[in-house]
């Protein structure tokens, strides 16, 4: 498995569903080689492995702008958050007074 960290940025937006499918197609190989590492997929391509989510995110933003792209920890299960958690109103945070 070879990372393509030097691939130039494309003008075509990535499709996250296709990136997830690409990850799942390579999941066994990724788990054997990179268990516990963070991987980055963009445009159905395996971009590389990283020691932290922050490192993967920095590279993703620098190379592909605001995305979308897939950053996933190899060997971890998927977590689905409810929309109320993902998109909670910012103005409602810490407004309670005692």
PDB file of N, CA and C in Angstrom:
ATOM      1  N   UNK A   1       0.860  -1.170   0.000  1.00  0.00           N
ATOM      2  CA  UNK A   1       0.000   0.000   0.000  1.00  0.00           C
ATOM      3  C   UNK A   1       0.906   1.233   0.000  1.00  0.00           C
ATOM      4  N   UNK A   2       0.687   2.094  -0.935  1.00  0.00           N
ATOM      5  CA  UNK A   2       1.536   3.268  -1.067  1.00  0.00           C
ATOM      6  C   UNK A   2       0.710   4.530  -0.916  1.00  0.00           C
ATOM      7  N   UNK A   3       1.162   5.426  -0.046  1.00  0.00           N
ATOM      8  CA  UNK A   3       0.493   6.712   0.138  1.00  0.00           C
ATOM      9  C   UNK A   3       0.841   7.619  -1.023  1.00  0.00           C
ATOM     10  N   UNK A   4      -0.035   8.550  -1.313  1.00  0.00           N
ATOM     11  CA  UNK A   4       0.225   9.489  -2.407  1.00  0.00           C
ATOM     12  C   UNK A   4       0.239  10.912  -1.857  1.00  0.00           C
ATOM     13  N   UNK A   5       1.137  11.170  -0.917  1.00  0.00           N
ATOM     14  CA  UNK A   5       1.206  12.479  -0.276  1.00  0.00           C
ATOM     15  C   UNK A   5       1.618  13.585  -1.224  1.00  0.00           C
ATOM     16  N   UNK A   6       2.271  13.251  -2.312  1.00  0.00           N
ATOM     17  CA  UNK A   6       2.731  14.285  -3.230  1.00  0.00           C
ATOM     18  C   UNK A   6       1.780  14.490  -4.409  1.00  0.00           C
ATOM     19  N   UNK A   7       0.599  13.867  -4.385  1.00  0.00           N
ATOM     20  CA  UNK A   7      -0.374  14.053  -5.468  1.00  0.00           C
ATOM     21  C   UNK A   7      -0.883  15.490  -5.448  1.00  0.00           C
ATOM     22  N   UNK A   8      -0.898  16.173  -6.590  1.00  0.00           N
ATOM     23  CA  UNK A   8      -1.388  17.559  -6.613  1.00  0.00           C
ATOM     24  C   UNK A   8      -2.876  17.637  -6.300  1.00  0.00           C
ATOM     25  N   UNK A   9      -3.279  18.764  -5.759  1.00  0.00           N
ATOM     26  CA  UNK A   9      -4.678  18.991  -5.426  1.00  0.00           C
ATOM     27  C   UNK A   9      -5.499  19.071  -6.709  1.00  0.00           C
ATOM     28  N   UNK A  10      -6.679  18.456  -6.688  1.00  0.00           N
ATOM     29  CA  UNK A  10      -7.547  18.490  -7.861  1.00  0.00           C
ATOM     30  C   UNK A  10      -8.647  19.514  -7.658  1.00  0.00           C
ATOM     31  N   UNK A  11      -9.277  19.910  -8.746  1.00  0.00           N
ATOM     32  CA  UNK A  11     -10.390  20.846  -8.673  1.00  0.00           C
ATOM     33  C   UNK A  11     -11.719  20.134  -8.417  1.00  0.00           C
ATOM     34  N   UNK A  12     -11.747  18.814  -8.568  1.00  0.00           N
ATOM     35  CA  UNK A  12     -12.959  18.047  -8.368  1.00  0.00           C
ATOM     36  C   UNK A  12     -13.190  17.812  -6.875  1.00  0.00           C
ATOM     37  N   UNK A  13     -14.392  18.072  -6.376  1.00  0.00           N
ATOM     38  CA  UNK A  13     -14.662  17.796  -4.971  1.00  0.00           C
ATOM     39  C   UNK A  13     -14.726  16.295  -4.711  1.00  0.00           C
ATOM     40  N   UNK A  14     -14.263  15.902  -3.554  1.00  0.00           N
ATOM     41  CA  UNK A  14     -14.304  14.514  -3.153  1.00  0.00           C
ATOM     42  C   UNK A  14     -15.705  14.160  -2.666  1.00  0.00           C
ATOM     43  N   UNK A  15     -16.079  12.907  -2.797  1.00  0.00           N
ATOM     44  CA  UNK A  15     -17.344  12.413  -2.300  1.00  0.00           C
ATOM     45  C   UNK A  15     -17.040  11.522  -1.104  1.00  0.00           C
ATOM     46  N   UNK A  16     -17.496  11.896   0.076  1.00  0.00           N
ATOM     47  CA  UNK A  16     -17.165  11.170   1.297  1.00  0.00           C
ATOM     48  C   UNK A  16     -17.664   9.732   1.233  1.00  0.00           C
ATOM     49  N   UNK A  17     -18.829   9.505   0.669  1.00  0.00           N
ATOM     50  CA  UNK A  17     -19.328   8.124   0.566  1.00  0.00           C
ATOM     51  C   UNK A  17     -18.373   7.260  -0.244  1.00  0.00           C
ATOM     52  N   UNK A  18     -17.844   7.816  -1.304  1.00  0.00           N
ATOM     53  CA  UNK A  18     -16.877   7.070  -2.112  1.00  0.00           C
ATOM     54  C   UNK A  18     -15.566   6.873  -1.348  1.00  0.00           C
ATOM     55  N   UNK A  19     -15.177   7.860  -0.552  1.00  0.00           N
ATOM     56  CA  UNK A  19     -13.975   7.715   0.272  1.00  0.00           C
ATOM     57  C   UNK A  19     -14.159   6.623   1.322  1.00  0.00           C
ATOM     58  N   UNK A  20     -15.345   6.553   1.914  1.00  0.00           N
ATOM     59  CA  UNK A  20     -15.636   5.499   2.890  1.00  0.00           C
ATOM     60  C   UNK A  20     -15.585   4.132   2.211  1.00  0.00           C
ATOM     61  N   UNK A  21     -16.160   4.027   1.025  1.00  0.00           N
ATOM     62  CA  UNK A  21     -16.127   2.763   0.283  1.00  0.00           C
ATOM     63  C   UNK A  21     -14.690   2.360  -0.039  1.00  0.00           C
ATOM     64  N   UNK A  22     -13.849   3.336  -0.402  1.00  0.00           N
ATOM     65  CA  UNK A  22     -12.446   3.049  -0.693  1.00  0.00           C
ATOM     66  C   UNK A  22     -11.727   2.567   0.572  1.00  0.00           C
ATOM     67  N   UNK A  23     -12.025   3.206   1.709  1.00  0.00           N
ATOM     68  CA  UNK A  23     -11.439   2.766   2.981  1.00  0.00           C
ATOM     69  C   UNK A  23     -11.868   1.335   3.295  1.00  0.00           C
ATOM     70  N   UNK A  24     -13.166   1.060   3.179  1.00  0.00           N
ATOM     71  CA  UNK A  24     -13.683  -0.265   3.504  1.00  0.00           C
ATOM     72  C   UNK A  24     -13.110  -1.339   2.580  1.00  0.00           C
ATOM     73  N   UNK A  25     -12.861  -0.997   1.327  1.00  0.00           N
ATOM     74  CA  UNK A  25     -12.266  -1.958   0.389  1.00  0.00           C
ATOM     75  C   UNK A  25     -10.838  -2.324   0.784  1.00  0.00           C
ATOM     76  N   UNK A  26     -10.152  -1.408   1.464  1.00  0.00           N
ATOM     77  CA  UNK A  26      -8.759  -1.637   1.868  1.00  0.00           C
ATOM     78  C   UNK A  26      -8.613  -1.878   3.366  1.00  0.00           C
ATOM     79  N   UNK A  27      -9.725  -1.996   4.067  1.00  0.00           N
ATOM     80  CA  UNK A  27      -9.712  -2.044   5.527  1.00  0.00           C
ATOM     81  C   UNK A  27      -8.831  -3.159   6.083  1.00  0.00           C
ATOM     82  N   UNK A  28      -8.925  -4.362   5.556  1.00  0.00           N
ATOM     83  CA  UNK A  28      -8.111  -5.476   6.052  1.00  0.00           C
ATOM     84  C   UNK A  28      -6.628  -5.200   5.930  1.00  0.00           C
ATOM     85  N   UNK A  29      -6.224  -4.697   4.794  1.00  0.00           N
ATOM     86  CA  UNK A  29      -4.818  -4.371   4.556  1.00  0.00           C
ATOM     87  C   UNK A  29      -4.358  -3.223   5.456  1.00  0.00           C
ATOM     88  N   UNK A  30      -5.225  -2.216   5.616  1.00  0.00           N
ATOM     89  CA  UNK A  30      -4.892  -1.085   6.489  1.00  0.00           C
ATOM     90  C   UNK A  30      -4.749  -1.537   7.935  1.00  0.00           C
ATOM     91  N   UNK A  31      -5.658  -2.398   8.407  1.00  0.00           N
ATOM     92  CA  UNK A  31      -5.584  -2.871   9.790  1.00  0.00           C
ATOM     93  C   UNK A  31      -4.346  -3.712  10.028  1.00  0.00           C
ATOM     94  N   UNK A  32      -3.925  -4.481   9.034  1.00  0.00           N
ATOM     95  CA  UNK A  32      -2.716  -5.293   9.175  1.00  0.00           C
ATOM     96  C   UNK A  32      -1.455  -4.436   9.243  1.00  0.00           C
ATOM     97  N   UNK A  33      -1.449  -3.342   8.512  1.00  0.00           N
ATOM     98  CA  UNK A  33      -0.234  -2.525   8.412  1.00  0.00           C
ATOM     99  C   UNK A  33      -0.225  -1.301   9.324  1.00  0.00           C
ATOM    100  N   UNK A  34      -1.396  -0.729   9.611  1.00  0.00           N
ATOM    101  CA  UNK A  34      -1.437   0.578  10.279  1.00  0.00           C
ATOM    102  C   UNK A  34      -2.411   0.639  11.453  1.00  0.00           C
ATOM    103  N   UNK A  35      -2.653  -0.459  12.137  1.00  0.00           N
ATOM    104  CA  UNK A  35      -3.633  -0.489  13.219  1.00  0.00           C
ATOM    105  C   UNK A  35      -3.334   0.604  14.249  1.00  0.00           C
ATOM    106  N   UNK A  36      -4.350   1.409  14.565  1.00  0.00           N
ATOM    107  CA  UNK A  36      -4.208   2.482  15.544  1.00  0.00           C
ATOM    108  C   UNK A  36      -3.761   3.813  14.965  1.00  0.00           C
ATOM    109  N   UNK A  37      -3.312   3.825  13.728  1.00  0.00           N
ATOM    110  CA  UNK A  37      -2.908   5.077  13.068  1.00  0.00           C
ATOM    111  C   UNK A  37      -4.136   5.750  12.462  1.00  0.00           C
ATOM    112  N   UNK A  38      -3.980   7.004  12.120  1.00  0.00           N
ATOM    113  CA  UNK A  38      -5.029   7.763  11.426  1.00  0.00           C
ATOM    114  C   UNK A  38      -4.716   7.756   9.939  1.00  0.00           C
ATOM    115  N   UNK A  39      -5.733   7.531   9.113  1.00  0.00           N
ATOM    116  CA  UNK A  39      -5.544   7.533   7.664  1.00  0.00           C
ATOM    117  C   UNK A  39      -6.389   8.631   7.036  1.00  0.00           C
ATOM    118  N   UNK A  40      -5.918   9.103   5.906  1.00  0.00           N
ATOM    119  CA  UNK A  40      -6.601  10.145   5.151  1.00  0.00           C
ATOM    120  C   UNK A  40      -6.905   9.613   3.766  1.00  0.00           C
ATOM    121  N   UNK A  41      -8.175   9.742   3.367  1.00  0.00           N
ATOM    122  CA  UNK A  41      -8.613   9.397   2.018  1.00  0.00           C
ATOM    123  C   UNK A  41      -9.223  10.636   1.390  1.00  0.00           C
ATOM    124  N   UNK A  42      -8.891  10.841   0.125  1.00  0.00           N
ATOM    125  CA  UNK A  42      -9.478  11.935  -0.640  1.00  0.00           C
ATOM    126  C   UNK A  42      -9.638  11.471  -2.075  1.00  0.00           C
ATOM    127  N   UNK A  43     -10.806  11.712  -2.637  1.00  0.00           N
ATOM    128  CA  UNK A  43     -11.084  11.346  -4.026  1.00  0.00           C
ATOM    129  C   UNK A  43     -10.835   9.859  -4.263  1.00  0.00           C
ATOM    130  N   UNK A  44     -11.279   9.032  -3.305  1.00  0.00           N
ATOM    131  CA  UNK A  44     -11.161   7.573  -3.350  1.00  0.00           C
ATOM    132  C   UNK A  44      -9.720   7.092  -3.275  1.00  0.00           C
ATOM    133  N   UNK A  45      -8.801   7.957  -2.937  1.00  0.00           N
ATOM    134  CA  UNK A  45      -7.388   7.595  -2.879  1.00  0.00           C
ATOM    135  C   UNK A  45      -6.882   7.603  -1.444  1.00  0.00           C
ATOM    136  N   UNK A  46      -6.083   6.611  -1.101  1.00  0.00           N
ATOM    137  CA  UNK A  46      -5.390   6.573   0.180  1.00  0.00           C
ATOM    138  C   UNK A  46      -4.252   7.583   0.115  1.00  0.00           C
ATOM    139  N   UNK A  47      -4.311   8.610   0.949  1.00  0.00           N
ATOM    140  CA  UNK A  47      -3.325   9.675   0.910  1.00  0.00           C
ATOM    141  C   UNK A  47      -2.142   9.367   1.820  1.00  0.00           C
ATOM    142  N   UNK A  48      -2.414   8.893   3.049  1.00  0.00           N
ATOM    143  CA  UNK A  48      -1.313   8.564   3.938  1.00  0.00           C
ATOM    144  C   UNK A  48      -1.772   8.237   5.346  1.00  0.00           C
ATOM    145  N   UNK A  49      -0.796   7.898   6.191  1.00  0.00           N
ATOM    146  CA  UNK A  49      -1.072   7.582   7.596  1.00  0.00           C
ATOM    147  C   UNK A  49      -0.452   8.657   8.478  1.00  0.00           C
ATOM    148  N   UNK A  50      -1.043   8.820   9.667  1.00  0.00           N
ATOM    149  CA  UNK A  50      -0.610   9.879  10.577  1.00  0.00           C
ATOM    150  C   UNK A  50      -0.714   9.371  12.015  1.00  0.00           C
ATOM    151  N   UNK A  51       0.086   9.947  12.874  1.00  0.00           N
ATOM    152  CA  UNK A  51       0.077   9.558  14.285  1.00  0.00           C
ATOM    153  C   UNK A  51      -1.071  10.174  15.056  1.00  0.00           C
ATOM    154  N   UNK A  52      -1.639  11.275  14.556  1.00  0.00           N
ATOM    155  CA  UNK A  52      -2.724  11.939  15.271  1.00  0.00           C
ATOM    156  C   UNK A  52      -3.761  12.456  14.281  1.00  0.00           C
ATOM    157  N   UNK A  53      -4.966  12.655  14.797  1.00  0.00           N
ATOM    158  CA  UNK A  53      -6.030  13.247  13.987  1.00  0.00           C
ATOM    159  C   UNK A  53      -5.623  14.652  13.548  1.00  0.00           C
ATOM    160  N   UNK A  54      -5.030  15.422  14.473  1.00  0.00           N
ATOM    161  CA  UNK A  54      -4.643  16.803  14.156  1.00  0.00           C
ATOM    162  C   UNK A  54      -3.661  16.863  12.994  1.00  0.00           C
ATOM    163  N   UNK A  55      -2.706  15.950  12.984  1.00  0.00           N
ATOM    164  CA  UNK A  55      -1.726  15.927  11.903  1.00  0.00           C
ATOM    165  C   UNK A  55      -2.405  15.612  10.570  1.00  0.00           C
ATOM    166  N   UNK A  56      -3.307  14.631  10.579  1.00  0.00           N
ATOM    167  CA  UNK A  56      -4.043  14.279   9.356  1.00  0.00           C
ATOM    168  C   UNK A  56      -4.901  15.448   8.885  1.00  0.00           C
ATOM    169  N   UNK A  57      -5.561  16.121   9.823  1.00  0.00           N
ATOM    170  CA  UNK A  57      -6.415  17.253   9.478  1.00  0.00           C
ATOM    171  C   UNK A  57      -5.598  18.410   8.905  1.00  0.00           C
ATOM    172  N   UNK A  58      -4.447  18.686   9.476  1.00  0.00           N
ATOM    173  CA  UNK A  58      -3.588  19.760   8.950  1.00  0.00           C
ATOM    174  C   UNK A  58      -3.194  19.494   7.501  1.00  0.00           C
ATOM    175  N   UNK A  59      -2.782  18.263   7.225  1.00  0.00           N
ATOM    176  CA  UNK A  59      -2.388  17.903   5.862  1.00  0.00           C
ATOM    177  C   UNK A  59      -3.595  17.988   4.928  1.00  0.00           C
ATOM    178  N   UNK A  60      -4.738  17.480   5.375  1.00  0.00           N
ATOM    179  CA  UNK A  60      -5.945  17.491   4.545  1.00  0.00           C
ATOM    180  C   UNK A  60      -6.339  18.918   4.174  1.00  0.00           C
ATOM    181  N   UNK A  61      -6.355  19.811   5.143  1.00  0.00           N
ATOM    182  CA  UNK A  61      -6.743  21.199   4.876  1.00  0.00           C
ATOM    183  C   UNK A  61      -5.713  21.886   3.979  1.00  0.00           C
ATOM    184  N   UNK A  62      -4.437  21.641   4.233  1.00  0.00           N
ATOM    185  CA  UNK A  62      -3.394  22.267   3.412  1.00  0.00           C
ATOM    186  C   UNK A  62      -3.455  21.803   1.961  1.00  0.00           C
ATOM    187  N   UNK A  63      -3.755  20.535   1.741  1.00  0.00           N
ATOM    188  CA  UNK A  63      -3.756  19.983   0.385  1.00  0.00           C
ATOM    189  C   UNK A  63      -5.086  20.122  -0.342  1.00  0.00           C
ATOM    190  N   UNK A  64      -6.215  19.969   0.407  1.00  0.00           N
ATOM    191  CA  UNK A  64      -7.507  19.853  -0.246  1.00  0.00           C
ATOM    192  C   UNK A  64      -8.515  20.908   0.188  1.00  0.00           C
ATOM    193  N   UNK A  65      -8.094  21.905   0.925  1.00  0.00           N
ATOM    194  CA  UNK A  65      -9.014  22.941   1.363  1.00  0.00           C
ATOM    195  C   UNK A  65      -9.970  22.436   2.417  1.00  0.00           C
ATOM    196  N   UNK A  66     -11.187  22.947   2.381  1.00  0.00           N
ATOM    197  CA  UNK A  66     -12.127  22.609   3.444  1.00  0.00           C
ATOM    198  C   UNK A  66     -12.804  21.254   3.251  1.00  0.00           C
ATOM    199  N   UNK A  67     -12.473  20.534   2.224  1.00  0.00           N
ATOM    200  CA  UNK A  67     -12.955  19.163   2.083  1.00  0.00           C
ATOM    201  C   UNK A  67     -14.151  19.058   1.178  1.00  0.00           C
ATOM    202  N   UNK A  68     -14.824  17.940   1.256  1.00  0.00           N
ATOM    203  CA  UNK A  68     -14.742  16.893   2.269  1.00  0.00           C
ATOM    204  C   UNK A  68     -13.667  15.861   1.968  1.00  0.00           C
ATOM    205  N   UNK A  69     -13.231  15.191   3.015  1.00  0.00           N
ATOM    206  CA  UNK A  69     -12.284  14.084   2.942  1.00  0.00           C
ATOM    207  C   UNK A  69     -12.568  13.182   4.120  1.00  0.00           C
ATOM    208  N   UNK A  70     -11.973  12.015   4.113  1.00  0.00           N
ATOM    209  CA  UNK A  70     -12.200  11.048   5.172  1.00  0.00           C
ATOM    210  C   UNK A  70     -10.940  10.903   6.010  1.00  0.00           C
ATOM    211  N   UNK A  71     -11.071  11.136   7.299  1.00  0.00           N
ATOM    212  CA  UNK A  71      -9.994  10.876   8.253  1.00  0.00           C
ATOM    213  C   UNK A  71     -10.557   9.864   9.234  1.00  0.00           C
ATOM    214  N   UNK A  72      -9.890   8.727   9.343  1.00  0.00           N
ATOM    215  CA  UNK A  72     -10.409   7.661  10.197  1.00  0.00           C
ATOM    216  C   UNK A  72      -9.258   6.958  10.906  1.00  0.00           C
ATOM    217  N   UNK A  73      -9.513   6.564  12.143  1.00  0.00           N
ATOM    218  CA  UNK A  73      -8.529   5.784  12.890  1.00  0.00           C
ATOM    219  C   UNK A  73      -8.687   4.322  12.513  1.00  0.00           C
ATOM    220  N   UNK A  74      -7.606   3.713  12.078  1.00  0.00           N
ATOM    221  CA  UNK A  74      -7.637   2.336  11.614  1.00  0.00           C
ATOM    222  C   UNK A  74      -7.897   1.412  12.803  1.00  0.00           C
ATOM    223  N   UNK A  75      -8.930   0.584  12.657  1.00  0.00           N
ATOM    224  CA  UNK A  75      -9.264  -0.385  13.691  1.00  0.00           C
ATOM    225  C   UNK A  75     -10.321   0.077  14.661  1.00  0.00           C
ATOM    226  N   UNK A  76     -10.715   1.344  14.588  1.00  0.00           N
ATOM    227  CA  UNK A  76     -11.760   1.824  15.490  1.00  0.00           C
ATOM    228  C   UNK A  76     -13.120   1.667  14.825  1.00  0.00           C
ATOM    229  N   UNK A  77     -14.133   1.630  15.652  1.00  0.00           N
ATOM    230  CA  UNK A  77     -15.484   1.521  15.123  1.00  0.00           C
ATOM    231  C   UNK A  77     -16.005   2.907  14.763  1.00  0.00           C
ATOM    232  N   UNK A  78     -16.943   2.953  13.863  1.00  0.00           N
ATOM    233  CA  UNK A  78     -17.547   4.228  13.475  1.00  0.00           C
ATOM    234  C   UNK A  78     -18.449   4.734  14.588  1.00  0.00           C
ATOM    235  N   UNK A  79     -18.469   6.033  14.770  1.00  0.00           N
ATOM    236  CA  UNK A  79     -19.333   6.666  15.750  1.00  0.00           C
ATOM    237  C   UNK A  79     -20.304   7.559  15.007  1.00  0.00           C
ATOM    238  N   UNK A  80     -21.581   7.399  15.298  1.00  0.00           N
ATOM    239  CA  UNK A  80     -22.598   8.239  14.680  1.00  0.00           C
ATOM    240  C   UNK A  80     -23.150   9.164  15.749  1.00  0.00           C
ATOM    241  N   UNK A  81     -23.035  10.456  15.523  1.00  0.00           N
ATOM    242  CA  UNK A  81     -23.548  11.444  16.459  1.00  0.00           C
ATOM    243  C   UNK A  81     -24.896  11.950  15.978  1.00  0.00           C
ATOM    244  N   UNK A  82     -25.815  12.180  16.908  1.00  0.00           N
ATOM    245  CA  UNK A  82     -27.090  12.751  16.494  1.00  0.00           C
ATOM    246  C   UNK A  82     -26.902  14.183  15.994  1.00  0.00           C
ATOM    247  N   UNK A  83     -27.788  14.606  15.131  1.00  0.00           N
ATOM    248  CA  UNK A  83     -27.685  15.947  14.556  1.00  0.00           C
ATOM    249  C   UNK A  83     -27.688  17.020  15.637  1.00  0.00           C
ATOM    250  N   UNK A  84     -28.400  16.796  16.730  1.00  0.00           N
ATOM    251  CA  UNK A  84     -28.451  17.796  17.800  1.00  0.00           C
ATOM    252  C   UNK A  84     -27.086  18.015  18.433  1.00  0.00           C
ATOM    253  N   UNK A  85     -26.238  17.014  18.417  1.00  0.00           N
ATOM    254  CA  UNK A  85     -24.882  17.150  18.955  1.00  0.00           C
ATOM    255  C   UNK A  85     -23.969  17.781  17.917  1.00  0.00           C
ATOM    256  N   UNK A  86     -24.101  17.330  16.679  1.00  0.00           N
ATOM    257  CA  UNK A  86     -23.225  17.826  15.624  1.00  0.00           C
ATOM    258  C   UNK A  86     -23.516  19.271  15.257  1.00  0.00           C
ATOM    259  N   UNK A  87     -24.767  19.667  15.302  1.00  0.00           N
ATOM    260  CA  UNK A  87     -25.157  20.978  14.817  1.00  0.00           C
ATOM    261  C   UNK A  87     -25.886  21.793  15.885  1.00  0.00           C
ATOM    262  N   UNK A  88     -25.483  21.644  17.130  1.00  0.00           N
ATOM    263  CA  UNK A  88     -26.114  22.410  18.203  1.00  0.00           C
ATOM    264  C   UNK A  88     -25.850  23.889  18.039  1.00  0.00           C
ATOM    265  N   UNK A  89     -26.789  24.732  18.447  1.00  0.00           N
ATOM    266  CA  UNK A  89     -26.589  26.179  18.290  1.00  0.00           C
ATOM    267  C   UNK A  89     -25.472  26.692  19.196  1.00  0.00           C
ATOM    268  N   UNK A  90     -24.562  27.428  18.631  1.00  0.00           N
ATOM    269  CA  UNK A  90     -23.433  27.953  19.393  1.00  0.00           C
ATOM    270  C   UNK A  90     -23.872  28.964  20.441  1.00  0.00           C
ATOM    271  N   UNK A  91     -24.916  29.711  20.155  1.00  0.00           N
ATOM    272  CA  UNK A  91     -25.347  30.741  21.089  1.00  0.00           C
ATOM    273  C   UNK A  91     -25.944  30.154  22.351  1.00  0.00           C
ATOM    274  N   UNK A  92     -26.258  28.881  22.369  1.00  0.00           N
ATOM    275  CA  UNK A  92     -26.882  28.277  23.546  1.00  0.00           C
ATOM    276  C   UNK A  92     -25.852  27.693  24.517  1.00  0.00           C
ATOM    277  N   UNK A  93     -24.603  27.684  24.160  1.00  0.00           N
ATOM    278  CA  UNK A  93     -23.577  27.091  25.009  1.00  0.00           C
ATOM    279  C   UNK A  93     -23.219  28.027  26.158  1.00  0.00           C
ATOM    280  N   UNK A  94     -23.219  27.504  27.371  1.00  0.00           N
ATOM    281  CA  UNK A  94     -22.792  28.216  28.576  1.00  0.00           C
ATOM    282  C   UNK A  94     -23.599  29.482  28.856  1.00  0.00           C
ATOM    283  N   UNK A  95     -24.871  29.489  28.553  1.00  0.00           N
ATOM    284  CA  UNK A  95     -25.685  30.656  28.830  1.00  0.00           C
ATOM    285  C   UNK A  95     -26.452  30.548  30.164  1.00  0.00           C
ATOM    286  N   UNK A  96     -26.364  29.389  30.794  1.00  0.00           N
ATOM    287  CA  UNK A  96     -27.077  29.223  32.067  1.00  0.00           C
ATOM    288  C   UNK A  96     -26.375  30.034  33.162  1.00  0.00           C
ATOM    289  N   UNK A  97     -27.150  30.696  33.954  1.00  0.00           N
ATOM    290  CA  UNK A  97     -26.604  31.489  35.057  1.00  0.00           C
ATOM    291  C   UNK A  97     -27.128  30.918  36.350  1.00  0.00           C
ATOM    292  N   UNK A  98     -26.290  30.925  37.323  1.00  0.00           N
ATOM    293  CA  UNK A  98     -26.694  30.391  38.635  1.00  0.00           C
ATOM    294  C   UNK A  98     -26.880  31.539  39.588  1.00  0.00           C
TER     295      UNK A  98
END
